[in-house]
């Protein structure tokens, strides 16, 4: 499990051109990748785009293997949806790549941009309450993922999963989910208290749009190349 502290470390300590690029250019890069994934009907350009993202992440000093691992979470849900359609291997590959390619781009954004810069940029356009809600959701998501991973390990070590005993397994899982919900509420209250102590009074960080710089050519060029490839393949 990749915890939020490690993501913050990667985002704050990198010095590559991708790290130095503005939030605006990286969000446009993400928009281009998402648009390419939506418009294409062939897995070939998406496979090429995914490969390009891996090369770009490795060349930029990003943890490309860890980002790829995170993108596989989206593959699980895409695969379940693809199976429900009862299509062929071509359909499975297309839906799988439509999920993991934007997910990889999101991972590159998060791993190369400190989250205060992202939410500072978003708060320029979004209502304050929505921007704050997204901020809290971002932090809580990774905390819950880590708690779920610990819960799964603990319940296996204590014999909570018994093959063939669906009732017992279901009861243990339900109790564990209830405990996670209670702890999630406690974590959210603690996070808000910490933010209040540090000066949070209902307003996010300084709002700024930012300007394009010399390092913005990398995410902008990569995003436009992927979008152009997808449009060319239609």
Protein backbone atom coordinates (compact mmCIF):
# COMPACT_ATOMS: atom_id res chain seq x y z
CA UNK A 1 0.00 0.00 0.00
CA UNK A 2 1.32 3.45 -0.95
CA UNK A 3 0.65 5.79 1.95
CA UNK A 4 -0.04 9.49 1.67
CA UNK A 5 3.22 10.42 3.42
CA UNK A 6 5.24 8.75 0.68
CA UNK A 7 3.22 10.49 -2.02
CA UNK A 8 3.81 13.82 -0.29
CA UNK A 9 7.54 13.06 -0.10
CA UNK A 10 7.76 12.28 -3.82
CA UNK A 11 5.80 15.40 -4.71
CA UNK A 12 7.75 17.77 -2.47
CA UNK A 13 11.31 16.50 -3.00
CA UNK A 14 11.51 16.02 -6.76
CA UNK A 15 13.44 18.43 -8.97
CA UNK A 16 12.69 17.16 -12.47
CA UNK A 17 11.09 19.34 -15.19
CA UNK A 18 7.79 17.57 -14.50
CA UNK A 19 8.01 18.60 -10.84
CA UNK A 20 8.87 22.18 -11.80
CA UNK A 21 5.99 22.47 -14.25
CA UNK A 22 3.02 24.57 -13.18
CA UNK A 23 -0.18 23.05 -11.83
CA UNK A 24 -2.08 24.46 -14.80
CA UNK A 25 0.11 22.68 -17.36
CA UNK A 26 -0.14 19.37 -15.51
CA UNK A 27 -3.92 19.66 -15.21
CA UNK A 28 -4.09 20.34 -18.96
CA UNK A 29 -1.88 17.30 -19.47
CA UNK A 30 -4.34 15.24 -17.42
CA UNK A 31 -7.28 16.67 -19.37
CA UNK A 32 -5.65 15.67 -22.67
CA UNK A 33 -5.06 12.11 -21.45
CA UNK A 34 -8.63 11.75 -20.15
CA UNK A 35 -10.03 13.15 -23.41
CA UNK A 36 -7.89 10.76 -25.45
CA UNK A 37 -9.14 7.84 -23.36
CA UNK A 38 -12.76 8.89 -23.92
CA UNK A 39 -12.65 9.43 -27.67
CA UNK A 40 -10.57 6.44 -28.77
CA UNK A 41 -12.22 3.18 -29.75
CA UNK A 42 -9.04 1.21 -30.27
CA UNK A 43 -6.72 -0.17 -27.56
CA UNK A 44 -3.59 0.34 -29.69
CA UNK A 45 -3.23 4.15 -29.21
CA UNK A 46 -4.05 3.77 -25.51
CA UNK A 47 -1.39 1.09 -25.14
CA UNK A 48 1.08 3.45 -26.81
CA UNK A 49 -0.07 6.29 -24.54
CA UNK A 50 0.34 4.15 -21.41
CA UNK A 51 3.85 3.18 -22.52
CA UNK A 52 4.68 6.84 -23.18
CA UNK A 53 3.48 7.78 -19.69
CA UNK A 54 5.70 5.12 -18.13
CA UNK A 55 8.72 6.39 -20.08
CA UNK A 56 7.89 9.98 -19.15
CA UNK A 57 7.51 9.11 -15.46
CA UNK A 58 10.79 7.18 -15.39
CA UNK A 59 12.65 9.96 -17.23
CA UNK A 60 11.23 12.55 -14.81
CA UNK A 61 12.44 10.67 -11.75
CA UNK A 62 8.92 9.72 -10.65
CA UNK A 63 8.30 6.35 -8.97
CA UNK A 64 6.92 4.88 -12.18
CA UNK A 65 6.46 1.37 -10.80
CA UNK A 66 4.54 2.60 -7.75
CA UNK A 67 2.36 4.84 -9.93
CA UNK A 68 1.67 1.88 -12.18
CA UNK A 69 0.67 -0.20 -9.18
CA UNK A 70 -1.78 2.50 -8.10
CA UNK A 71 -3.29 2.64 -11.59
CA UNK A 72 -4.14 -1.06 -11.34
CA UNK A 73 -6.85 -0.26 -8.78
CA UNK A 74 -8.88 1.19 -11.64
CA UNK A 75 -8.20 -1.95 -13.69
CA UNK A 76 -10.10 -4.12 -11.20
CA UNK A 77 -13.38 -2.23 -11.66
CA UNK A 78 -12.86 -1.90 -15.42
CA UNK A 79 -12.33 -5.64 -15.72
CA UNK A 80 -15.51 -6.41 -13.79
CA UNK A 81 -17.45 -4.07 -16.07
CA UNK A 82 -15.87 -5.60 -19.18
CA UNK A 83 -16.83 -9.12 -18.09
CA UNK A 84 -20.43 -7.98 -17.57
CA UNK A 85 -20.55 -6.89 -21.24
CA UNK A 86 -19.52 -10.36 -22.43
CA UNK A 87 -17.32 -8.92 -25.13
CA UNK A 88 -14.18 -10.29 -26.68
CA UNK A 89 -10.55 -9.76 -25.74
CA UNK A 90 -10.48 -6.57 -27.82
CA UNK A 91 -13.27 -5.07 -25.67
CA UNK A 92 -11.56 -6.17 -22.47
CA UNK A 93 -8.28 -4.58 -23.55
CA UNK A 94 -9.99 -1.34 -24.59
CA UNK A 95 -11.91 -0.90 -21.33
CA UNK A 96 -8.89 -1.87 -19.27
CA UNK A 97 -6.68 0.71 -20.97
CA UNK A 98 -9.43 3.35 -20.78
CA UNK A 99 -9.25 2.94 -16.99
CA UNK A 100 -5.53 2.57 -16.29
CA UNK A 101 -4.24 5.25 -18.69
CA UNK A 102 -6.02 8.23 -17.03
CA UNK A 103 -5.30 6.64 -13.63
CA UNK A 104 -1.59 6.63 -14.42
CA UNK A 105 -1.76 10.28 -15.46
CA UNK A 106 -3.49 11.13 -12.16
CA UNK A 107 -0.76 9.26 -10.29
CA UNK A 108 1.90 11.29 -12.10
CA UNK A 109 0.10 14.50 -11.14
CA UNK A 110 -0.20 13.56 -7.47
CA UNK A 111 3.37 12.24 -7.24
CA UNK A 112 4.87 15.39 -8.77
CA UNK A 113 2.73 18.16 -7.28
CA UNK A 114 2.36 18.97 -3.56
CA UNK A 115 -1.33 18.75 -2.72
CA UNK A 116 -1.57 22.33 -1.31
CA UNK A 117 -0.67 23.65 -4.78
CA UNK A 118 -3.37 21.53 -6.40
CA UNK A 119 -6.11 22.60 -4.02
CA UNK A 120 -4.91 26.19 -4.07
CA UNK A 121 -5.36 26.17 -7.84
CA UNK A 122 -8.78 24.49 -7.65
CA UNK A 123 -10.01 26.94 -5.02
CA UNK A 124 -9.56 29.72 -7.59
CA UNK A 125 -12.46 28.32 -9.61
CA UNK A 126 -14.48 26.24 -7.13
CA UNK A 127 -16.60 27.39 -4.17
CA UNK A 128 -14.64 27.38 -0.94
CA UNK A 129 -16.76 24.66 0.68
CA UNK A 130 -16.30 22.36 -2.34
CA UNK A 131 -12.54 22.90 -2.48
CA UNK A 132 -12.25 22.20 1.26
CA UNK A 133 -14.40 19.08 0.86
CA UNK A 134 -12.16 17.77 -1.92
CA UNK A 135 -9.11 18.45 0.24
CA UNK A 136 -10.55 16.49 3.17
CA UNK A 137 -11.63 13.66 0.86
CA UNK A 138 -8.14 13.42 -0.63
CA UNK A 139 -6.50 13.07 2.76
CA UNK A 140 -9.11 10.69 4.16
CA UNK A 141 -9.06 8.41 1.11
CA UNK A 142 -5.46 7.33 1.59
CA UNK A 143 -5.93 7.03 5.33
CA UNK A 144 -8.90 4.70 4.81
CA UNK A 145 -6.99 2.64 2.24
CA UNK A 146 -4.18 2.15 4.74
CA UNK A 147 -6.65 1.25 7.49
CA UNK A 148 -8.37 -1.29 5.22
CA UNK A 149 -5.02 -2.88 4.38
CA UNK A 150 -4.18 -3.18 8.09
CA UNK A 151 -7.65 -4.58 8.78
CA UNK A 152 -7.27 -7.27 6.12
CA UNK A 153 -3.88 -8.32 7.51
CA UNK A 154 -5.15 -8.40 11.10
CA UNK A 155 -8.26 -10.43 10.35
CA UNK A 156 -6.24 -13.02 8.41
CA UNK A 157 -3.69 -13.38 11.20
CA UNK A 158 -6.46 -13.87 13.76
CA UNK A 159 -8.28 -16.50 11.73
CA UNK A 160 -11.16 -14.26 10.74
CA UNK A 161 -11.35 -15.79 7.26
CA UNK A 162 -12.39 -19.43 7.13
CA UNK A 163 -12.81 -21.12 3.72
CA UNK A 164 -16.35 -22.36 3.28
CA UNK A 165 -17.83 -20.44 6.23
CA UNK A 166 -19.66 -17.62 4.47
CA UNK A 167 -21.76 -16.63 7.46
CA UNK A 168 -18.76 -16.35 9.78
CA UNK A 169 -16.70 -14.49 7.19
CA UNK A 170 -19.55 -12.09 6.46
CA UNK A 171 -20.07 -11.38 10.15
CA UNK A 172 -16.37 -10.65 10.72
CA UNK A 173 -16.17 -8.40 7.67
CA UNK A 174 -19.30 -6.48 8.73
CA UNK A 175 -17.85 -5.91 12.20
CA UNK A 176 -14.56 -4.79 10.70
CA UNK A 177 -16.26 -2.32 8.33
CA UNK A 178 -18.23 -0.90 11.27
CA UNK A 179 -15.00 -0.40 13.22
CA UNK A 180 -13.37 1.27 10.19
CA UNK A 181 -16.27 3.71 9.88
CA UNK A 182 -15.99 4.69 13.55
CA UNK A 183 -12.23 5.17 13.24
CA UNK A 184 -12.69 7.13 10.01
CA UNK A 185 -14.98 9.59 11.81
CA UNK A 186 -12.45 9.91 14.62
CA UNK A 187 -9.63 10.50 12.13
CA UNK A 188 -11.65 13.18 10.32
CA UNK A 189 -12.38 15.00 13.58
CA UNK A 190 -8.72 14.81 14.57
CA UNK A 191 -7.61 16.10 11.17
CA UNK A 192 -9.99 19.05 11.42
CA UNK A 193 -8.74 19.82 14.94
CA UNK A 194 -5.13 19.78 13.74
CA UNK A 195 -6.00 22.10 10.85
CA UNK A 196 -7.85 24.47 13.19
CA UNK A 197 -4.84 24.62 15.54
CA UNK A 198 -2.62 25.46 12.58
CA UNK A 199 -4.81 28.38 11.57
CA UNK A 200 -7.51 26.93 9.32
CA UNK A 201 -10.59 29.14 9.57
CA UNK A 202 -12.68 28.00 6.61
CA UNK A 203 -10.35 29.29 3.90
CA UNK A 204 -7.86 27.25 1.93
CA UNK A 205 -4.32 28.25 1.03
CA UNK A 206 -3.46 31.28 -1.05
CA UNK A 207 -5.39 31.24 -4.30
CA UNK A 208 -3.23 31.40 -7.39
CA UNK A 209 -3.58 30.44 -11.04
CA UNK A 210 0.09 30.46 -11.92
CA UNK A 211 1.84 31.09 -15.22
CA UNK A 212 3.45 28.93 -17.86
CA UNK A 213 7.19 28.50 -17.59
CA UNK A 214 10.04 26.81 -19.42
CA UNK A 215 9.32 23.46 -17.73
CA UNK A 216 5.72 23.35 -18.89
CA UNK A 217 6.66 22.08 -22.35
CA UNK A 218 7.04 18.54 -20.99
CA UNK A 219 3.52 17.86 -19.63
CA UNK A 220 1.87 20.00 -22.32
CA UNK A 221 3.79 18.30 -25.11
CA UNK A 222 3.11 14.82 -23.73
CA UNK A 223 -0.60 15.51 -23.25
CA UNK A 224 -1.08 16.99 -26.71
CA UNK A 225 0.89 14.14 -28.31
CA UNK A 226 -1.33 11.53 -26.64
CA UNK A 227 -4.50 13.40 -27.64
CA UNK A 228 -3.27 13.84 -31.22
CA UNK A 229 -2.47 10.12 -31.44
CA UNK A 230 -5.95 9.19 -30.24
CA UNK A 231 -7.63 11.61 -32.65
CA UNK A 232 -5.48 10.40 -35.55
CA UNK A 233 -6.45 6.78 -34.83
CA UNK A 234 -10.22 7.45 -34.99
